[in-house]
Amino acid sequence: MNITVIGAGAWGTALAISLTARHCVTLWARDDVQATAMQSTRCNQRYLPDVKLPDNLQVSSDFSSALANTQLIILSVPTAALRVTLERLVALPLDLPGVIWLCKGFEAETSLLPHQVAAEILPLNVSCGVLSGPSFAMEVASSLPTALVLASTDDAFAQRITQALHHSRLRVYASNDVTGVEVGGAIKNVMAIAAGISDGMALGSNARAALITRGLAEITRLGLKLGGRQETLSGLSGAGDLILTCTGDLSRNRRVGMLLAQKLRLDDILSKLGHVAEGVYAVREVHRLATTLQVDMPICEAVYRVLYENISATAMVTSLLNRTTSLEFN
């Protein structure tokens, strides 16, 4: 299969590298200088400096030529760039093949999930879906075993693309619960910020385990309210991604939390990070949805207040610990 990956960040580059095991892959980079350097040096110095690009991975900054003869388009762009990227795709004079996206979050201001954004732009005859799950880019690029889930409302498309992407180091499962997969991927980033704050304050493994468990309860409450399914939120894109992001040292969102615990300013943290930390933006939309839909999400509420109402990390922890006791399940 000819596959085009749009977006040469860490995750887009890592997945492109992985897929060359079975397919002809072209990686599109927005920056012409970056694309030229990657093509000549066989390295993404900006995002994955220690990983060699396979000889059969092509890199281009020409949007049209990168999509010539492609049979599958994979969008590896931040949630904030999804709409404009889809609009650019449909403006091209070509019949779009299947499209899948990797972004995890809600669109700012609209609170739409990625598939809802895509539904406003893509023609009805274009099969599409989301690829998500617990996956650090560096590990995927290094051919370490990874399991993902591909969700689409088109069951035949999901099965076909799952089989196409699957190989010995990348295990891919199919699902038709697009909402559940996207909700899990979006909100786990918020929980990772909370876990980072806990770890940064040295509150211990017990506290982190409690945050992960109660965080999953919050994700599930909102996910069910939005139409997702319980089993999806307990699977790879829910519990799996949550565990990885809250515990792994490669997690950008967890790192944000740890730096917040050191009392650094958010602007300085994001500048220091050099990558997009989706949880910083997703929490605003989660807060809006939870308020509108009357879903109890105290951890997300606390993270929102730290990021956007300037309460301290210490005050956040105190407010969570002093909440009134209740039934675990209700």
Protein backbone atom coordinates (compact mmCIF):
# COMPACT_ATOMS: atom_id res chain seq x y z
CA MET A 1 0.00 0.00 0.00
CA ASN A 2 1.12 3.58 -0.72
CA ILE A 3 0.67 5.55 2.50
CA THR A 4 1.15 9.26 3.10
CA VAL A 5 1.72 10.54 6.63
CA ILE A 6 0.95 14.24 6.98
CA GLY A 7 3.02 15.79 9.76
CA ALA A 8 6.68 15.13 10.57
CA GLY A 9 6.58 15.57 14.32
CA ALA A 10 7.74 12.81 16.64
CA TRP A 11 4.61 10.64 16.35
CA GLY A 12 4.12 11.08 12.60
CA THR A 13 7.77 10.26 11.95
CA ALA A 14 7.71 7.26 14.30
CA LEU A 15 4.60 5.76 12.70
CA ALA A 16 5.97 6.38 9.21
CA ILE A 17 9.15 4.53 10.18
CA SER A 18 7.14 1.63 11.60
CA LEU A 19 4.90 1.30 8.54
CA THR A 20 7.84 1.02 6.14
CA ALA A 21 8.10 -2.57 7.39
CA ARG A 22 5.24 -3.41 5.03
CA HIS A 23 4.40 -0.39 2.88
CA CYS A 24 5.69 2.41 0.67
CA VAL A 25 5.50 5.47 2.90
CA THR A 26 5.88 9.19 2.18
CA LEU A 27 6.22 11.58 5.12
CA TRP A 28 5.12 15.16 4.51
CA ALA A 29 6.85 17.92 6.50
CA ARG A 30 5.47 21.46 6.50
CA ASP A 31 8.93 23.00 6.80
CA ASP A 32 10.88 22.76 3.52
CA VAL A 33 14.24 23.08 5.30
CA GLN A 34 13.32 20.28 7.70
CA ALA A 35 12.13 18.03 4.86
CA THR A 36 15.31 18.58 2.85
CA ALA A 37 17.47 17.88 5.89
CA MET A 38 15.54 14.72 6.77
CA GLN A 39 15.75 13.42 3.22
CA SER A 40 19.50 13.98 3.02
CA THR A 41 20.63 13.09 6.55
CA ARG A 42 18.05 10.30 7.10
CA CYS A 43 17.26 11.71 10.52
CA ASN A 44 14.55 13.88 12.09
CA GLN A 45 16.99 15.94 14.12
CA ARG A 46 14.25 18.12 15.60
CA TYR A 47 12.03 15.40 17.07
CA LEU A 48 13.76 11.99 16.93
CA PRO A 49 17.47 12.75 16.69
CA ASP A 50 18.62 9.28 17.73
CA VAL A 51 16.58 7.32 15.16
CA LYS A 52 17.69 6.59 11.59
CA LEU A 53 15.06 6.93 8.88
CA PRO A 54 14.71 3.78 6.74
CA ASP A 55 16.05 4.10 3.20
CA ASN A 56 12.59 3.38 1.78
CA LEU A 57 10.91 6.26 3.65
CA GLN A 58 10.46 9.29 1.39
CA VAL A 59 10.25 12.79 2.87
CA SER A 60 8.64 15.73 1.05
CA SER A 61 7.40 19.25 1.72
CA ASP A 62 5.31 19.32 -1.47
CA PHE A 63 1.75 18.67 -0.30
CA SER A 64 0.35 17.64 -3.68
CA SER A 65 3.19 15.37 -4.73
CA ALA A 66 3.29 13.70 -1.32
CA LEU A 67 -0.31 12.65 -1.88
CA ALA A 68 0.09 11.47 -5.47
CA ASN A 69 -1.08 7.86 -5.85
CA THR A 70 -1.61 7.46 -2.11
CA GLN A 71 -4.02 4.77 -0.93
CA LEU A 72 -4.24 5.90 2.69
CA ILE A 73 -3.73 9.30 4.34
CA ILE A 74 -2.64 9.45 7.97
CA LEU A 75 -2.94 12.86 9.62
CA SER A 76 -0.39 13.36 12.37
CA VAL A 77 -1.15 16.96 13.25
CA PRO A 78 -2.25 18.59 16.53
CA THR A 79 -5.98 18.79 17.13
CA ALA A 80 -5.80 22.55 16.56
CA ALA A 81 -4.54 21.95 13.01
CA LEU A 82 -6.95 19.16 12.06
CA ARG A 83 -9.68 21.32 10.52
CA VAL A 84 -7.36 23.38 8.32
CA THR A 85 -5.50 20.25 7.21
CA LEU A 86 -8.73 18.50 6.22
CA GLU A 87 -9.84 21.61 4.33
CA ARG A 88 -6.55 21.61 2.47
CA LEU A 89 -7.05 17.95 1.57
CA VAL A 90 -10.54 18.33 0.15
CA ALA A 91 -9.40 21.33 -1.91
CA LEU A 92 -6.97 19.14 -3.87
CA PRO A 93 -8.02 17.87 -7.31
CA LEU A 94 -7.94 14.20 -6.34
CA ASP A 95 -10.27 11.46 -5.19
CA LEU A 96 -9.51 11.09 -1.52
CA PRO A 97 -8.72 7.58 -0.32
CA GLY A 98 -9.28 6.58 3.30
CA VAL A 99 -8.22 9.09 5.96
CA ILE A 100 -7.23 8.38 9.55
CA TRP A 101 -5.99 10.80 12.22
CA LEU A 102 -3.74 10.41 15.24
CA CYS A 103 -4.57 13.59 17.21
CA LYS A 104 -5.95 13.33 20.74
CA GLY A 105 -8.05 16.21 22.03
CA PHE A 106 -11.06 18.46 21.53
CA GLU A 107 -11.23 21.33 19.07
CA ALA A 108 -10.86 24.65 20.88
CA GLU A 109 -14.03 26.69 21.38
CA THR A 110 -16.31 24.12 19.67
CA SER A 111 -15.43 21.22 22.04
CA LEU A 112 -15.78 18.89 19.04
CA LEU A 113 -13.99 15.57 18.91
CA PRO A 114 -11.82 14.95 15.82
CA HIS A 115 -14.39 12.74 14.09
CA GLN A 116 -17.00 15.49 14.49
CA VAL A 117 -14.62 17.98 12.87
CA ALA A 118 -13.99 15.52 10.04
CA ALA A 119 -17.73 15.00 9.53
CA GLU A 120 -18.11 18.71 8.79
CA ILE A 121 -15.44 18.66 6.08
CA LEU A 122 -14.87 15.28 4.47
CA PRO A 123 -17.25 14.08 1.72
CA LEU A 124 -19.64 11.34 2.84
CA ASN A 125 -18.04 8.79 0.52
CA VAL A 126 -14.60 9.05 2.21
CA SER A 127 -13.98 6.34 4.77
CA CYS A 128 -12.21 7.64 7.86
CA GLY A 129 -11.27 6.82 11.42
CA VAL A 130 -8.92 7.34 14.35
CA LEU A 131 -5.78 5.43 15.36
CA SER A 132 -5.05 5.68 19.06
CA GLY A 133 -3.70 3.85 22.09
CA PRO A 134 -0.69 3.72 24.42
CA SER A 135 2.23 4.69 22.20
CA PHE A 136 5.33 6.72 22.90
CA ALA A 137 6.85 7.83 19.61
CA MET A 138 10.40 6.90 20.54
CA GLU A 139 9.43 3.31 21.33
CA VAL A 140 7.45 2.89 18.11
CA ALA A 141 10.34 4.35 16.09
CA SER A 142 12.69 1.93 17.86
CA SER A 143 10.52 -1.06 16.85
CA LEU A 144 9.48 -1.87 20.42
CA PRO A 145 6.16 -3.77 20.65
CA THR A 146 3.09 -1.52 20.66
CA ALA A 147 -0.67 -2.15 20.56
CA LEU A 148 -3.12 0.36 19.08
CA VAL A 149 -6.81 0.52 18.20
CA LEU A 150 -8.26 1.79 14.92
CA ALA A 151 -11.84 2.98 15.22
CA SER A 152 -14.22 3.77 12.36
CA THR A 153 -17.97 3.69 11.83
CA ASP A 154 -17.19 1.86 8.57
CA ASP A 155 -16.54 -1.67 9.82
CA ALA A 156 -15.14 -2.92 6.52
CA PHE A 157 -12.70 0.00 6.36
CA ALA A 158 -11.62 -0.57 9.98
CA GLN A 159 -10.94 -4.24 9.33
CA ARG A 160 -9.07 -3.58 6.08
CA ILE A 161 -6.83 -0.84 7.49
CA THR A 162 -6.24 -2.75 10.72
CA GLN A 163 -4.92 -5.69 8.71
CA ALA A 164 -2.83 -3.37 6.54
CA LEU A 165 -1.13 -1.55 9.43
CA HIS A 166 -0.63 -4.59 11.64
CA HIS A 167 2.81 -6.17 11.76
CA SER A 168 5.03 -8.06 14.20
CA ARG A 169 5.94 -4.95 16.24
CA LEU A 170 2.68 -3.02 15.82
CA ARG A 171 -0.45 -4.87 16.91
CA VAL A 172 -3.62 -3.11 15.75
CA TYR A 173 -7.16 -3.88 16.91
CA ALA A 174 -10.38 -2.75 15.21
CA SER A 175 -13.30 -0.92 16.83
CA ASN A 176 -16.44 0.92 15.74
CA ASP A 177 -16.61 3.07 18.90
CA VAL A 178 -15.01 6.22 17.51
CA THR A 179 -16.33 8.41 20.33
CA GLY A 180 -15.03 6.16 23.08
CA VAL A 181 -11.59 5.88 21.51
CA GLU A 182 -11.30 9.65 21.03
CA VAL A 183 -12.59 10.56 24.50
CA GLY A 184 -10.08 8.22 26.13
CA GLY A 185 -7.23 9.67 24.07
CA ALA A 186 -8.22 13.26 24.82
CA ILE A 187 -8.83 13.20 28.56
CA LYS A 188 -5.92 10.93 29.55
CA ASN A 189 -3.63 13.88 28.75
CA VAL A 190 -5.39 15.96 31.39
CA MET A 191 -5.00 13.18 33.93
CA ALA A 192 -1.31 12.93 33.08
CA ILE A 193 -0.85 16.56 34.10
CA ALA A 194 -2.46 15.74 37.46
CA ALA A 195 -0.21 12.69 37.85
CA GLY A 196 2.81 14.81 37.01
CA ILE A 197 1.88 17.31 39.70
CA SER A 198 1.54 14.44 42.19
CA ASP A 199 4.90 12.97 41.21
CA GLY A 200 6.53 16.39 41.17
CA MET A 201 5.39 16.92 44.75
CA ALA A 202 6.69 13.45 45.69
CA LEU A 203 3.29 12.31 46.92
CA GLY A 204 4.14 8.68 46.25
CA SER A 205 2.97 5.67 44.28
CA ASN A 206 -0.27 5.33 46.26
CA ALA A 207 -1.37 8.81 45.23
CA ARG A 208 -0.49 8.20 41.59
CA ALA A 209 -2.46 4.94 41.55
CA ALA A 210 -5.45 6.72 43.10
CA LEU A 211 -5.26 9.49 40.48
CA ILE A 212 -5.12 6.98 37.63
CA THR A 213 -8.05 4.96 38.98
CA ARG A 214 -10.26 7.93 39.81
CA GLY A 215 -9.16 9.59 36.57
CA LEU A 216 -10.45 6.60 34.63
CA ALA A 217 -13.77 6.96 36.45
CA GLU A 218 -13.99 10.59 35.25
CA ILE A 219 -13.05 9.66 31.69
CA THR A 220 -15.71 6.96 31.72
CA ARG A 221 -18.42 9.26 33.06
CA LEU A 222 -17.91 11.83 30.33
CA GLY A 223 -17.26 9.20 27.67
CA LEU A 224 -20.56 7.46 28.36
CA LYS A 225 -22.38 10.79 28.38
CA LEU A 226 -20.97 11.59 24.92
CA GLY A 227 -21.95 8.19 23.53
CA GLY A 228 -18.84 6.06 24.07
CA ARG A 229 -18.90 2.52 25.40
CA GLN A 230 -17.69 1.21 28.76
CA GLU A 231 -15.51 -1.54 27.29
CA THR A 232 -13.72 0.92 25.00
CA LEU A 233 -12.86 3.19 27.89
CA SER A 234 -11.48 0.18 29.77
CA GLY A 235 -9.36 -0.80 26.76
CA LEU A 236 -6.23 0.35 24.97
CA SER A 237 -7.36 3.89 24.17
CA GLY A 238 -8.82 4.42 27.66
CA ALA A 239 -7.15 2.64 30.55
CA GLY A 240 -4.11 1.62 28.48
CA ASP A 241 -3.24 5.09 27.25
CA LEU A 242 -4.05 6.57 30.65
CA ILE A 243 -1.63 4.25 32.47
CA LEU A 244 1.17 4.91 30.00
CA THR A 245 0.78 8.68 29.97
CA CYS A 246 0.51 8.97 33.75
CA THR A 247 3.53 6.81 34.51
CA GLY A 248 6.00 7.06 31.61
CA ASP A 249 8.95 9.41 31.68
CA LEU A 250 8.45 10.14 27.96
CA SER A 251 5.02 11.68 28.62
CA ARG A 252 4.95 15.38 27.71
CA ASN A 253 1.76 16.02 29.68
CA ARG A 254 3.15 14.36 32.81
CA ARG A 255 6.23 16.54 32.41
CA VAL A 256 4.01 19.64 32.35
CA GLY A 257 2.55 18.58 35.69
CA MET A 258 5.96 17.95 37.22
CA LEU A 259 7.15 21.40 36.18
CA LEU A 260 3.96 22.97 37.56
CA ALA A 261 4.78 21.32 40.87
CA GLN A 262 8.09 23.20 40.74
CA LYS A 263 6.08 26.44 40.49
CA LEU A 264 7.16 27.26 36.94
CA ARG A 265 4.86 29.46 34.83
CA LEU A 266 2.81 27.67 32.16
CA ASP A 267 4.22 29.79 29.33
CA ASP A 268 7.76 28.97 30.41
CA ILE A 269 6.90 25.27 30.68
CA LEU A 270 5.48 25.11 27.17
CA SER A 271 8.47 26.98 25.78
CA LYS A 272 10.82 24.61 27.57
CA LEU A 273 8.92 21.56 26.35
CA GLY A 274 9.26 22.30 22.64
CA HIS A 275 6.38 19.92 21.78
CA VAL A 276 2.60 20.17 21.90
CA ALA A 277 1.11 18.99 25.21
CA GLU A 278 -2.52 18.42 24.23
CA GLY A 279 -3.77 18.18 27.81
CA VAL A 280 -3.11 21.89 28.37
CA TYR A 281 -5.69 22.74 25.71
CA ALA A 282 -8.03 19.77 26.12
CA VAL A 283 -8.75 20.60 29.76
CA ARG A 284 -10.52 23.82 28.76
CA GLU A 285 -12.96 21.90 26.58
CA VAL A 286 -13.35 19.12 29.14
CA HIS A 287 -14.21 21.75 31.75
CA ARG A 288 -16.77 23.29 29.39
CA LEU A 289 -18.35 19.93 28.55
CA ALA A 290 -18.41 18.74 32.16
CA THR A 291 -20.13 21.96 33.23
CA THR A 292 -22.65 21.88 30.38
CA LEU A 293 -23.46 18.18 30.73
CA GLN A 294 -23.29 18.23 34.56
CA VAL A 295 -20.66 15.50 34.77
CA ASP A 296 -18.66 15.31 38.00
CA MET A 297 -14.94 15.57 37.08
CA PRO A 298 -13.06 16.88 40.12
CA ILE A 299 -9.54 15.97 38.90
CA CYS A 300 -10.09 17.70 35.56
CA GLU A 301 -11.61 20.66 37.40
CA ALA A 302 -8.55 20.90 39.63
CA VAL A 303 -6.14 20.80 36.67
CA TYR A 304 -8.19 23.47 34.90
CA ARG A 305 -7.95 25.74 37.93
CA VAL A 306 -4.18 25.29 38.18
CA LEU A 307 -3.67 26.08 34.49
CA TYR A 308 -6.22 28.85 33.97
CA GLU A 309 -7.24 30.23 37.37
CA ASN A 310 -3.73 30.39 38.85
CA ILE A 311 -4.34 28.27 41.92
CA SER A 312 -1.22 26.53 43.17
CA ALA A 313 -0.47 22.85 42.74
CA THR A 314 -0.48 22.54 46.53
CA ALA A 315 -3.96 24.05 46.73
CA MET A 316 -5.12 21.67 44.01
CA VAL A 317 -3.95 18.63 45.94
CA THR A 318 -5.49 19.95 49.16
CA SER A 319 -8.86 20.54 47.49
CA LEU A 320 -8.92 17.00 46.08
CA LEU A 321 -7.93 15.37 49.37
CA ASN A 322 -10.52 17.35 51.33
CA ARG A 323 -13.47 16.40 49.14
CA THR A 324 -16.43 14.82 50.93
CA THR A 325 -16.33 11.03 50.94
CA SER A 326 -18.80 9.13 48.75
CA LEU A 327 -19.55 5.72 47.28
CA GLU A 328 -16.87 4.47 44.91
CA PHE A 329 -19.49 3.59 42.28
CA ASN A 330 -22.79 5.38 41.93
